[in-house]
Amino acid sequence: MAKVDLRRIGHKHSEETKKKISDANKGRVFSDAWIHNLSLAHKGQVSWRKGKKFVDTEVSKEKRKAYIRNWKSKNKNRILEATRAWSKKNRVHITTLARLYYRANKQKELDRVRLKKYGISGNEYREILKRQGGKCPICRNSIVKNLSVDHDHATGKIRGLICNPCNLAIANAGDSPDRLRAMAKYLEGTA
């Protein structure tokens, strides 16, 4: 039978013993003499790790990043489920933060939405607005609020910036010039 070195295995306390030790140490105040003796017993001892570099910091960071990337790719579904659960649980918090961010960064958010929906950057939007003189090309009204981006729904090509009422009129006419002409003719005939 092989001899077992108990110092290497270590001693594990049972849960009951752990509870007894914890209860015994609750509220325990260590005397100054006890603390002084403890510091004397460990005087001159230096941590074995102190001042030693075993792995370069950059190499360590890269290894850690690679490990995280690998873990995330293996646990995509788990992460997705946890994110969905958290989002569902914190819906009010998320919408409140989104509203506050929108209020603080309104123009930036509008530019982001325009870029996503129409493929037009904020600078391009402002350039078109400047070319139109800050007015709707249909009704010629000056608009203080943001103009709607008018685009061809079939091709996605941007036609210009128009006010909201004119945009709704075109949309309700189904982007049909014939229908709009018929509407104008009707209005002129009944007036």
N, C-alpha and C. Protein backbone atom coordinates (compact mmCIF):
# COMPACT_ATOMS: atom_id res chain seq x y z
N MET A 1 0.84 -1.19 0.00
CA MET A 1 0.00 0.00 0.00
C MET A 1 0.88 1.24 0.00
N ALA A 2 0.55 2.17 -0.91
CA ALA A 2 1.34 3.40 -1.06
C ALA A 2 1.04 4.36 0.08
N LYS A 3 2.09 5.03 0.49
CA LYS A 3 1.95 6.01 1.56
C LYS A 3 1.38 7.30 0.98
N VAL A 4 0.37 7.88 1.62
CA VAL A 4 -0.28 9.10 1.14
C VAL A 4 0.16 10.27 2.00
N ASP A 5 0.62 11.32 1.34
CA ASP A 5 1.03 12.53 2.05
C ASP A 5 -0.22 13.40 2.25
N LEU A 6 -0.72 13.47 3.48
CA LEU A 6 -1.95 14.19 3.79
C LEU A 6 -1.79 15.71 3.62
N ARG A 7 -0.54 16.20 3.73
CA ARG A 7 -0.33 17.64 3.56
C ARG A 7 -0.64 18.07 2.13
N ARG A 8 -0.40 17.20 1.16
CA ARG A 8 -0.66 17.55 -0.24
C ARG A 8 -2.15 17.53 -0.55
N ILE A 9 -2.87 16.61 0.02
CA ILE A 9 -4.30 16.49 -0.23
C ILE A 9 -5.04 17.66 0.40
N GLY A 10 -4.62 18.04 1.59
CA GLY A 10 -5.31 19.10 2.30
C GLY A 10 -6.48 18.53 3.08
N HIS A 11 -6.95 19.29 4.06
CA HIS A 11 -8.04 18.79 4.88
C HIS A 11 -9.30 19.58 4.54
N LYS A 12 -10.34 18.87 4.25
CA LYS A 12 -11.61 19.52 3.96
C LYS A 12 -12.56 19.29 5.12
N HIS A 13 -13.08 20.39 5.66
CA HIS A 13 -14.03 20.29 6.76
C HIS A 13 -15.41 19.94 6.25
N SER A 14 -16.16 19.27 7.08
CA SER A 14 -17.56 19.00 6.73
C SER A 14 -18.33 20.31 6.89
N GLU A 15 -19.53 20.35 6.34
CA GLU A 15 -20.35 21.56 6.44
C GLU A 15 -20.65 21.91 7.89
N GLU A 16 -20.86 20.89 8.71
CA GLU A 16 -21.16 21.11 10.12
C GLU A 16 -19.98 21.75 10.83
N THR A 17 -18.76 21.25 10.54
CA THR A 17 -17.55 21.80 11.15
C THR A 17 -17.31 23.22 10.68
N LYS A 18 -17.53 23.47 9.39
CA LYS A 18 -17.38 24.82 8.86
C LYS A 18 -18.30 25.80 9.57
N LYS A 19 -19.54 25.37 9.84
CA LYS A 19 -20.52 26.22 10.53
C LYS A 19 -20.05 26.50 11.96
N LYS A 20 -19.51 25.47 12.64
CA LYS A 20 -19.03 25.66 14.01
C LYS A 20 -17.87 26.66 14.05
N ILE A 21 -16.94 26.54 13.10
CA ILE A 21 -15.80 27.46 13.05
C ILE A 21 -16.28 28.88 12.78
N SER A 22 -17.22 29.01 11.83
CA SER A 22 -17.76 30.32 11.49
C SER A 22 -18.44 30.96 12.69
N ASP A 23 -19.27 30.16 13.41
CA ASP A 23 -19.97 30.68 14.59
C ASP A 23 -18.99 31.08 15.67
N ALA A 24 -17.92 30.31 15.82
CA ALA A 24 -16.93 30.60 16.86
C ALA A 24 -16.18 31.89 16.56
N ASN A 25 -15.95 32.20 15.29
CA ASN A 25 -15.19 33.40 14.92
C ASN A 25 -16.04 34.65 14.76
N LYS A 26 -17.38 34.52 14.83
CA LYS A 26 -18.24 35.69 14.69
C LYS A 26 -18.01 36.66 15.85
N GLY A 27 -17.77 37.91 15.48
CA GLY A 27 -17.60 38.93 16.50
C GLY A 27 -16.29 38.82 17.26
N ARG A 28 -15.40 37.94 16.83
CA ARG A 28 -14.14 37.75 17.54
C ARG A 28 -13.25 38.96 17.31
N VAL A 29 -12.67 39.49 18.37
CA VAL A 29 -11.78 40.63 18.28
C VAL A 29 -10.38 40.13 18.60
N PHE A 30 -9.45 40.37 17.71
CA PHE A 30 -8.09 39.93 17.92
C PHE A 30 -7.32 41.01 18.67
N SER A 31 -6.54 40.58 19.67
CA SER A 31 -5.79 41.54 20.47
C SER A 31 -4.61 42.08 19.67
N ASP A 32 -4.11 43.23 20.09
CA ASP A 32 -2.95 43.84 19.44
C ASP A 32 -1.75 42.92 19.55
N ALA A 33 -1.62 42.25 20.69
CA ALA A 33 -0.48 41.33 20.89
C ALA A 33 -0.56 40.17 19.90
N TRP A 34 -1.77 39.63 19.69
CA TRP A 34 -1.94 38.50 18.77
C TRP A 34 -1.57 38.92 17.34
N ILE A 35 -2.03 40.11 16.94
CA ILE A 35 -1.73 40.63 15.60
C ILE A 35 -0.23 40.87 15.46
N HIS A 36 0.40 41.42 16.54
CA HIS A 36 1.84 41.68 16.52
C HIS A 36 2.62 40.37 16.37
N ASN A 37 2.23 39.35 17.12
CA ASN A 37 2.90 38.05 17.04
C ASN A 37 2.74 37.43 15.66
N LEU A 38 1.57 37.60 15.07
CA LEU A 38 1.31 37.07 13.73
C LEU A 38 2.22 37.74 12.70
N SER A 39 2.36 39.07 12.83
CA SER A 39 3.21 39.79 11.88
C SER A 39 4.68 39.41 12.08
N LEU A 40 5.09 39.16 13.33
CA LEU A 40 6.46 38.73 13.60
C LEU A 40 6.72 37.34 12.99
N ALA A 41 5.72 36.48 13.09
CA ALA A 41 5.88 35.11 12.57
C ALA A 41 6.07 35.12 11.06
N HIS A 42 5.47 36.12 10.40
CA HIS A 42 5.56 36.18 8.94
C HIS A 42 6.54 37.23 8.45
N LYS A 43 7.34 37.80 9.38
CA LYS A 43 8.27 38.87 9.04
C LYS A 43 9.31 38.37 8.04
N GLY A 44 9.54 39.18 7.02
CA GLY A 44 10.57 38.84 6.05
C GLY A 44 10.09 37.89 4.96
N GLN A 45 8.89 37.38 5.09
CA GLN A 45 8.39 36.47 4.05
C GLN A 45 7.88 37.31 2.89
N VAL A 46 8.24 36.90 1.69
CA VAL A 46 7.82 37.60 0.48
C VAL A 46 7.01 36.61 -0.35
N SER A 47 5.95 37.10 -0.91
CA SER A 47 5.13 36.25 -1.76
C SER A 47 6.00 35.69 -2.88
N TRP A 48 5.85 34.42 -3.19
CA TRP A 48 6.65 33.78 -4.24
C TRP A 48 6.42 34.42 -5.59
N ARG A 49 5.26 35.09 -5.78
CA ARG A 49 4.88 35.67 -7.07
C ARG A 49 5.38 37.11 -7.20
N LYS A 50 5.67 37.75 -6.08
CA LYS A 50 5.96 39.18 -6.07
C LYS A 50 7.17 39.52 -6.93
N GLY A 51 6.97 40.44 -7.87
CA GLY A 51 8.06 40.92 -8.69
C GLY A 51 8.46 40.01 -9.83
N LYS A 52 7.83 38.88 -9.97
CA LYS A 52 8.20 37.94 -11.02
C LYS A 52 7.19 38.00 -12.15
N LYS A 53 7.69 38.03 -13.38
CA LYS A 53 6.80 38.00 -14.54
C LYS A 53 6.99 36.67 -15.23
N PHE A 54 5.95 35.88 -15.22
CA PHE A 54 6.04 34.57 -15.86
C PHE A 54 5.62 34.64 -17.32
N VAL A 55 4.62 35.49 -17.63
CA VAL A 55 4.13 35.64 -18.99
C VAL A 55 4.04 37.14 -19.28
N ASP A 56 4.42 37.53 -20.48
CA ASP A 56 4.33 38.93 -20.89
C ASP A 56 2.88 39.39 -20.80
N THR A 57 2.67 40.63 -20.37
CA THR A 57 1.32 41.17 -20.19
C THR A 57 0.51 41.13 -21.48
N GLU A 58 1.12 41.54 -22.59
CA GLU A 58 0.41 41.55 -23.88
C GLU A 58 0.01 40.14 -24.31
N VAL A 59 0.92 39.19 -24.12
CA VAL A 59 0.62 37.79 -24.47
C VAL A 59 -0.52 37.28 -23.63
N SER A 60 -0.49 37.64 -22.33
CA SER A 60 -1.55 37.22 -21.41
C SER A 60 -2.90 37.80 -21.84
N LYS A 61 -2.91 39.09 -22.24
CA LYS A 61 -4.16 39.73 -22.68
C LYS A 61 -4.70 39.05 -23.93
N GLU A 62 -3.81 38.76 -24.88
CA GLU A 62 -4.24 38.12 -26.13
C GLU A 62 -4.80 36.72 -25.86
N LYS A 63 -4.17 35.99 -24.95
CA LYS A 63 -4.66 34.65 -24.59
C LYS A 63 -6.05 34.75 -23.99
N ARG A 64 -6.22 35.73 -23.12
CA ARG A 64 -7.51 35.93 -22.46
C ARG A 64 -8.59 36.28 -23.48
N LYS A 65 -8.27 37.19 -24.42
CA LYS A 65 -9.23 37.56 -25.46
C LYS A 65 -9.61 36.37 -26.32
N ALA A 66 -8.61 35.56 -26.66
CA ALA A 66 -8.86 34.37 -27.48
C ALA A 66 -9.76 33.39 -26.73
N TYR A 67 -9.50 33.23 -25.42
CA TYR A 67 -10.32 32.34 -24.60
C TYR A 67 -11.76 32.83 -24.57
N ILE A 68 -11.96 34.15 -24.37
CA ILE A 68 -13.31 34.73 -24.29
C ILE A 68 -14.04 34.56 -25.63
N ARG A 69 -13.34 34.84 -26.75
CA ARG A 69 -13.94 34.66 -28.08
C ARG A 69 -14.39 33.22 -28.28
N ASN A 70 -13.52 32.29 -27.91
CA ASN A 70 -13.82 30.87 -28.06
C ASN A 70 -15.02 30.47 -27.20
N TRP A 71 -15.03 30.96 -25.94
CA TRP A 71 -16.13 30.63 -25.03
C TRP A 71 -17.44 31.19 -25.56
N LYS A 72 -17.42 32.43 -26.06
CA LYS A 72 -18.64 33.05 -26.59
C LYS A 72 -19.16 32.31 -27.81
N SER A 73 -18.26 31.85 -28.68
CA SER A 73 -18.71 31.13 -29.87
C SER A 73 -19.32 29.78 -29.50
N LYS A 74 -18.81 29.15 -28.45
CA LYS A 74 -19.34 27.85 -28.01
C LYS A 74 -20.66 28.00 -27.27
N ASN A 75 -20.87 29.16 -26.64
CA ASN A 75 -22.05 29.36 -25.79
C ASN A 75 -23.00 30.42 -26.32
N LYS A 76 -23.11 30.55 -27.64
CA LYS A 76 -23.96 31.58 -28.25
C LYS A 76 -25.41 31.48 -27.78
N ASN A 77 -25.96 30.28 -27.82
CA ASN A 77 -27.37 30.10 -27.43
C ASN A 77 -27.59 30.43 -25.97
N ARG A 78 -26.67 30.01 -25.13
CA ARG A 78 -26.77 30.27 -23.69
C ARG A 78 -26.74 31.78 -23.42
N ILE A 79 -25.83 32.49 -24.09
CA ILE A 79 -25.71 33.93 -23.93
C ILE A 79 -26.98 34.62 -24.44
N LEU A 80 -27.48 34.16 -25.60
CA LEU A 80 -28.69 34.74 -26.18
C LEU A 80 -29.89 34.56 -25.26
N GLU A 81 -30.04 33.38 -24.69
CA GLU A 81 -31.16 33.13 -23.76
C GLU A 81 -31.05 34.01 -22.53
N ALA A 82 -29.84 34.13 -21.98
CA ALA A 82 -29.64 34.95 -20.78
C ALA A 82 -29.92 36.42 -21.09
N THR A 83 -29.50 36.89 -22.26
CA THR A 83 -29.73 38.28 -22.67
C THR A 83 -31.21 38.55 -22.85
N ARG A 84 -31.90 37.61 -23.51
CA ARG A 84 -33.35 37.78 -23.70
C ARG A 84 -34.08 37.79 -22.36
N ALA A 85 -33.70 36.91 -21.46
CA ALA A 85 -34.34 36.85 -20.14
C ALA A 85 -34.11 38.16 -19.39
N TRP A 86 -32.86 38.66 -19.43
CA TRP A 86 -32.56 39.91 -18.74
C TRP A 86 -33.33 41.06 -19.36
N SER A 87 -33.38 41.11 -20.70
CA SER A 87 -34.10 42.19 -21.39
C SER A 87 -35.58 42.17 -21.06
N LYS A 88 -36.15 40.97 -21.01
CA LYS A 88 -37.58 40.84 -20.68
C LYS A 88 -37.84 41.31 -19.26
N LYS A 89 -36.95 40.95 -18.36
CA LYS A 89 -37.10 41.30 -16.95
C LYS A 89 -36.91 42.81 -16.72
N ASN A 90 -36.04 43.45 -17.53
CA ASN A 90 -35.69 44.85 -17.33
C ASN A 90 -36.20 45.75 -18.45
N ARG A 91 -37.33 45.43 -19.05
CA ARG A 91 -37.87 46.17 -20.18
C ARG A 91 -38.06 47.65 -19.86
N VAL A 92 -38.62 47.96 -18.70
CA VAL A 92 -38.89 49.36 -18.33
C VAL A 92 -37.56 50.13 -18.21
N HIS A 93 -36.58 49.51 -17.59
CA HIS A 93 -35.26 50.13 -17.42
C HIS A 93 -34.62 50.43 -18.78
N ILE A 94 -34.70 49.47 -19.69
CA ILE A 94 -34.11 49.63 -21.02
C ILE A 94 -34.78 50.77 -21.79
N THR A 95 -36.12 50.80 -21.78
CA THR A 95 -36.83 51.86 -22.51
C THR A 95 -36.58 53.24 -21.89
N THR A 96 -36.47 53.30 -20.58
CA THR A 96 -36.17 54.57 -19.91
C THR A 96 -34.80 55.08 -20.33
N LEU A 97 -33.80 54.19 -20.33
CA LEU A 97 -32.46 54.59 -20.75
C LEU A 97 -32.45 55.02 -22.21
N ALA A 98 -33.19 54.32 -23.06
CA ALA A 98 -33.24 54.66 -24.49
C ALA A 98 -33.87 56.05 -24.67
N ARG A 99 -34.93 56.34 -23.93
CA ARG A 99 -35.57 57.66 -24.02
C ARG A 99 -34.63 58.77 -23.57
N LEU A 100 -33.93 58.52 -22.45
CA LEU A 100 -32.99 59.52 -21.94
C LEU A 100 -31.86 59.76 -22.94
N TYR A 101 -31.35 58.69 -23.54
CA TYR A 101 -30.29 58.82 -24.53
C TYR A 101 -30.79 59.59 -25.75
N TYR A 102 -32.01 59.29 -26.18
CA TYR A 102 -32.58 59.98 -27.34
C TYR A 102 -32.72 61.48 -27.07
N ARG A 103 -33.20 61.82 -25.87
CA ARG A 103 -33.36 63.23 -25.52
C ARG A 103 -32.01 63.96 -25.51
N ALA A 104 -30.99 63.29 -25.00
CA ALA A 104 -29.67 63.90 -24.91
C ALA A 104 -28.96 63.96 -26.26
N ASN A 105 -29.26 63.02 -27.16
CA ASN A 105 -28.55 62.92 -28.45
C ASN A 105 -29.54 62.81 -29.60
N LYS A 106 -30.51 63.70 -29.65
CA LYS A 106 -31.59 63.60 -30.62
C LYS A 106 -31.09 63.60 -32.06
N GLN A 107 -30.24 64.57 -32.41
CA GLN A 107 -29.77 64.67 -33.80
C GLN A 107 -28.93 63.46 -34.19
N LYS A 108 -28.10 63.01 -33.28
CA LYS A 108 -27.25 61.83 -33.53
C LYS A 108 -28.11 60.59 -33.78
N GLU A 109 -29.17 60.43 -33.00
CA GLU A 109 -30.07 59.28 -33.16
C GLU A 109 -30.84 59.36 -34.48
N LEU A 110 -31.31 60.58 -34.83
CA LEU A 110 -32.02 60.75 -36.10
C LEU A 110 -31.09 60.43 -37.27
N ASP A 111 -29.83 60.88 -37.17
CA ASP A 111 -28.85 60.57 -38.22
C ASP A 111 -28.63 59.07 -38.33
N ARG A 112 -28.58 58.38 -37.20
CA ARG A 112 -28.37 56.93 -37.19
C ARG A 112 -29.55 56.21 -37.85
N VAL A 113 -30.76 56.66 -37.54
CA VAL A 113 -31.96 56.04 -38.12
C VAL A 113 -32.02 56.29 -39.63
N ARG A 114 -31.71 57.53 -40.05
CA ARG A 114 -31.71 57.84 -41.48
C ARG A 114 -30.69 57.00 -42.25
N LEU A 115 -29.53 56.81 -41.64
CA LEU A 115 -28.49 56.02 -42.29
C LEU A 115 -28.94 54.56 -42.43
N LYS A 116 -29.58 54.06 -41.39
CA LYS A 116 -30.04 52.67 -41.41
C LYS A 116 -31.19 52.47 -42.39
N LYS A 117 -32.17 53.41 -42.39
CA LYS A 117 -33.36 53.27 -43.23
C LYS A 117 -33.13 53.63 -44.69
N TYR A 118 -32.42 54.75 -44.91
CA TYR A 118 -32.33 55.30 -46.26
C TYR A 118 -30.91 55.29 -46.83
N GLY A 119 -29.91 54.98 -45.99
CA GLY A 119 -28.53 54.99 -46.46
C GLY A 119 -27.98 56.39 -46.67
N ILE A 120 -28.51 57.36 -45.92
CA ILE A 120 -28.10 58.75 -46.05
C ILE A 120 -27.50 59.21 -44.72
N SER A 121 -26.30 59.77 -44.77
CA SER A 121 -25.65 60.21 -43.53
C SER A 121 -26.23 61.55 -43.09
N GLY A 122 -25.90 61.95 -41.88
CA GLY A 122 -26.38 63.23 -41.35
C GLY A 122 -25.87 64.40 -42.17
N ASN A 123 -24.61 64.33 -42.61
CA ASN A 123 -24.05 65.42 -43.41
C ASN A 123 -24.73 65.51 -44.78
N GLU A 124 -25.04 64.38 -45.39
CA GLU A 124 -25.75 64.37 -46.68
C GLU A 124 -27.15 64.97 -46.51
N TYR A 125 -27.81 64.60 -45.42
CA TYR A 125 -29.15 65.13 -45.12
C TYR A 125 -29.09 66.66 -45.03
N ARG A 126 -28.12 67.17 -44.26
CA ARG A 126 -28.01 68.62 -44.08
C ARG A 126 -27.62 69.32 -45.40
N GLU A 127 -26.85 68.66 -46.25
CA GLU A 127 -26.48 69.23 -47.56
C GLU A 127 -27.72 69.36 -48.46
N ILE A 128 -28.56 68.32 -48.49
CA ILE A 128 -29.80 68.37 -49.28
C ILE A 128 -30.71 69.47 -48.75
N LEU A 129 -30.83 69.56 -47.43
CA LEU A 129 -31.66 70.58 -46.80
C LEU A 129 -31.16 71.99 -47.16
N LYS A 130 -29.84 72.15 -47.19
CA LYS A 130 -29.25 73.44 -47.55
C LYS A 130 -29.55 73.79 -49.01
N ARG A 131 -29.45 72.80 -49.92
CA ARG A 131 -29.75 73.01 -51.34
C ARG A 131 -31.20 73.42 -51.55
N GLN A 132 -32.11 72.87 -50.72
CA GLN A 132 -33.54 73.19 -50.83
C GLN A 132 -33.88 74.49 -50.11
N GLY A 133 -32.93 75.11 -49.46
CA GLY A 133 -33.16 76.37 -48.76
C GLY A 133 -33.96 76.19 -47.48
N GLY A 134 -33.95 75.00 -46.91
CA GLY A 134 -34.67 74.73 -45.66
C GLY A 134 -36.18 74.72 -45.83
N LYS A 135 -36.64 74.55 -47.09
CA LYS A 135 -38.08 74.56 -47.37
C LYS A 135 -38.48 73.26 -48.04
N CYS A 136 -39.77 72.94 -47.91
CA CYS A 136 -40.35 71.79 -48.60
C CYS A 136 -40.48 72.17 -50.08
N PRO A 137 -39.96 71.37 -51.03
CA PRO A 137 -40.04 71.72 -52.44
C PRO A 137 -41.45 71.68 -53.01
N ILE A 138 -42.40 71.07 -52.31
CA ILE A 138 -43.77 70.97 -52.82
C ILE A 138 -44.61 72.17 -52.38
N CYS A 139 -44.70 72.39 -51.07
CA CYS A 139 -45.56 73.46 -50.56
C CYS A 139 -44.78 74.75 -50.27
N ARG A 140 -43.44 74.72 -50.34
CA ARG A 140 -42.57 75.87 -50.12
C ARG A 140 -42.65 76.46 -48.73
N ASN A 141 -43.15 75.67 -47.78
CA ASN A 141 -43.19 76.14 -46.39
C ASN A 141 -41.84 75.90 -45.73
N SER A 142 -41.43 76.88 -44.91
CA SER A 142 -40.20 76.70 -44.13
C SER A 142 -40.52 75.75 -42.98
N ILE A 143 -39.65 74.83 -42.78
CA ILE A 143 -39.89 73.81 -41.76
C ILE A 143 -38.84 73.93 -40.66
N VAL A 144 -39.32 74.02 -39.43
CA VAL A 144 -38.43 74.10 -38.28
C VAL A 144 -38.05 72.66 -37.86
N LYS A 145 -39.04 71.78 -37.88
CA LYS A 145 -38.79 70.38 -37.50
C LYS A 145 -38.08 69.66 -38.63
N ASN A 146 -37.65 68.45 -38.36
CA ASN A 146 -36.97 67.65 -39.37
C ASN A 146 -37.93 67.29 -40.50
N LEU A 147 -37.42 67.38 -41.70
CA LEU A 147 -38.18 67.00 -42.88
C LEU A 147 -38.12 65.49 -43.08
N SER A 148 -39.12 64.96 -43.78
CA SER A 148 -39.14 63.54 -44.09
C SER A 148 -38.27 63.28 -45.31
N VAL A 149 -37.60 62.13 -45.32
CA VAL A 149 -36.78 61.75 -46.47
C VAL A 149 -37.71 61.08 -47.47
N ASP A 150 -37.95 61.76 -48.60
CA ASP A 150 -38.82 61.21 -49.64
C ASP A 150 -37.98 60.33 -50.56
N HIS A 151 -38.43 59.10 -50.75
CA HIS A 151 -37.66 58.18 -51.59
C HIS A 151 -38.60 57.30 -52.40
N ASP A 152 -38.09 56.78 -53.50
CA ASP A 152 -38.84 55.86 -54.35
C ASP A 152 -38.81 54.49 -53.67
N HIS A 153 -40.00 53.97 -53.36
CA HIS A 153 -40.07 52.69 -52.64
C HIS A 153 -39.61 51.51 -53.49
N ALA A 154 -39.69 51.64 -54.81
CA ALA A 154 -39.26 50.55 -55.70
C ALA A 154 -37.74 50.48 -55.80
N THR A 155 -37.09 51.64 -55.99
CA THR A 155 -35.64 51.66 -56.21
C THR A 155 -34.86 52.05 -54.96
N GLY A 156 -35.52 52.75 -54.04
CA GLY A 156 -34.84 53.23 -52.83
C GLY A 156 -34.11 54.54 -53.05
N LYS A 157 -34.19 55.11 -54.25
CA LYS A 157 -33.51 56.36 -54.58
C LYS A 157 -34.18 57.52 -53.84
N ILE A 158 -33.36 58.38 -53.26
CA ILE A 158 -33.87 59.53 -52.52
C ILE A 158 -34.20 60.65 -53.49
N ARG A 159 -35.47 61.16 -53.38
CA ARG A 159 -35.92 62.23 -54.27
C ARG A 159 -35.68 63.59 -53.65
N GLY A 160 -35.73 63.66 -52.34
CA GLY A 160 -35.52 64.94 -51.66
C GLY A 160 -36.08 64.88 -50.25
N LEU A 161 -36.14 66.05 -49.62
CA LEU A 161 -36.69 66.17 -48.27
C LEU A 161 -37.97 66.97 -48.35
N ILE A 162 -39.05 66.44 -47.81
CA ILE A 162 -40.35 67.12 -47.86
C ILE A 162 -40.97 67.14 -46.48
N CYS A 163 -41.93 68.04 -46.29
CA CYS A 163 -42.59 68.14 -44.99
C CYS A 163 -43.50 66.92 -44.79
N ASN A 164 -43.88 66.70 -43.56
CA ASN A 164 -44.66 65.52 -43.21
C ASN A 164 -46.02 65.48 -43.91
N PRO A 165 -46.81 66.59 -43.95
CA PRO A 165 -48.10 66.54 -44.65
C PRO A 165 -47.97 66.18 -46.14
N CYS A 166 -46.96 66.75 -46.82
CA CYS A 166 -46.74 66.43 -48.24
C CYS A 166 -46.31 64.97 -48.41
N ASN A 167 -45.50 64.49 -47.48
CA ASN A 167 -45.05 63.10 -47.52
C ASN A 167 -46.24 62.15 -47.37
N LEU A 168 -47.16 62.49 -46.45
CA LEU A 168 -48.36 61.66 -46.25
C LEU A 168 -49.26 61.69 -47.49
N ALA A 169 -49.38 62.86 -48.13
CA ALA A 169 -50.22 62.98 -49.33
C ALA A 169 -49.68 62.08 -50.45
N ILE A 170 -48.36 62.11 -50.64
CA ILE A 170 -47.74 61.27 -51.68
C ILE A 170 -47.91 59.79 -51.33
N ALA A 171 -47.70 59.46 -50.07
CA ALA A 171 -47.83 58.06 -49.64
C ALA A 171 -49.26 57.57 -49.79
N ASN A 172 -50.24 58.41 -49.42
CA ASN A 172 -51.65 58.01 -49.54
C ASN A 172 -52.09 57.88 -51.00
N ALA A 173 -51.39 58.60 -51.89
CA ALA A 173 -51.70 58.49 -53.32
C ALA A 173 -50.95 57.30 -53.93
N GLY A 174 -50.23 56.57 -53.12
CA GLY A 174 -49.52 55.38 -53.59
C GLY A 174 -48.35 55.71 -54.49
N ASP A 175 -47.72 56.87 -54.31
CA ASP A 175 -46.58 57.32 -55.12
C ASP A 175 -46.94 57.38 -56.62
N SER A 176 -48.22 57.59 -56.92
CA SER A 176 -48.68 57.60 -58.31
C SER A 176 -48.90 59.04 -58.78
N PRO A 177 -48.11 59.49 -59.78
CA PRO A 177 -48.31 60.85 -60.31
C PRO A 177 -49.70 61.01 -60.95
N ASP A 178 -50.19 59.94 -61.58
CA ASP A 178 -51.53 60.03 -62.20
C ASP A 178 -52.61 60.29 -61.16
N ARG A 179 -52.51 59.59 -60.05
CA ARG A 179 -53.50 59.77 -58.98
C ARG A 179 -53.40 61.17 -58.41
N LEU A 180 -52.18 61.68 -58.24
CA LEU A 180 -52.01 63.03 -57.71
C LEU A 180 -52.56 64.08 -58.69
N ARG A 181 -52.34 63.86 -59.99
CA ARG A 181 -52.92 64.78 -61.00
C ARG A 181 -54.44 64.75 -60.95
N ALA A 182 -55.01 63.55 -60.81
CA ALA A 182 -56.47 63.39 -60.72
C ALA A 182 -56.99 64.12 -59.48
N MET A 183 -56.23 64.02 -58.37
CA MET A 183 -56.65 64.71 -57.14
C MET A 183 -56.63 66.22 -57.35
N ALA A 184 -55.58 66.71 -58.00
CA ALA A 184 -55.47 68.16 -58.27
C ALA A 184 -56.60 68.62 -59.19
N LYS A 185 -56.88 67.83 -60.22
CA LYS A 185 -57.97 68.14 -61.15
C LYS A 185 -59.32 68.18 -60.42
N TYR A 186 -59.51 67.22 -59.53
CA TYR A 186 -60.75 67.16 -58.74
C TYR A 186 -60.88 68.41 -57.88
N LEU A 187 -59.80 68.78 -57.20
CA LEU A 187 -59.84 69.95 -56.34
C LEU A 187 -60.10 71.23 -57.14
N GLU A 188 -59.46 71.34 -58.28
CA GLU A 188 -59.66 72.53 -59.13
C GLU A 188 -61.07 72.59 -59.71
N GLY A 189 -61.66 71.44 -60.01
CA GLY A 189 -63.01 71.38 -60.60
C GLY A 189 -64.10 71.67 -59.58
N THR A 190 -63.87 71.37 -58.32
CA THR A 190 -64.90 71.58 -57.31
C THR A 190 -64.77 72.92 -56.63
N ALA A 191 -63.69 73.62 -56.86
CA ALA A 191 -63.46 74.89 -56.16
C ALA A 191 -64.25 76.03 -56.74
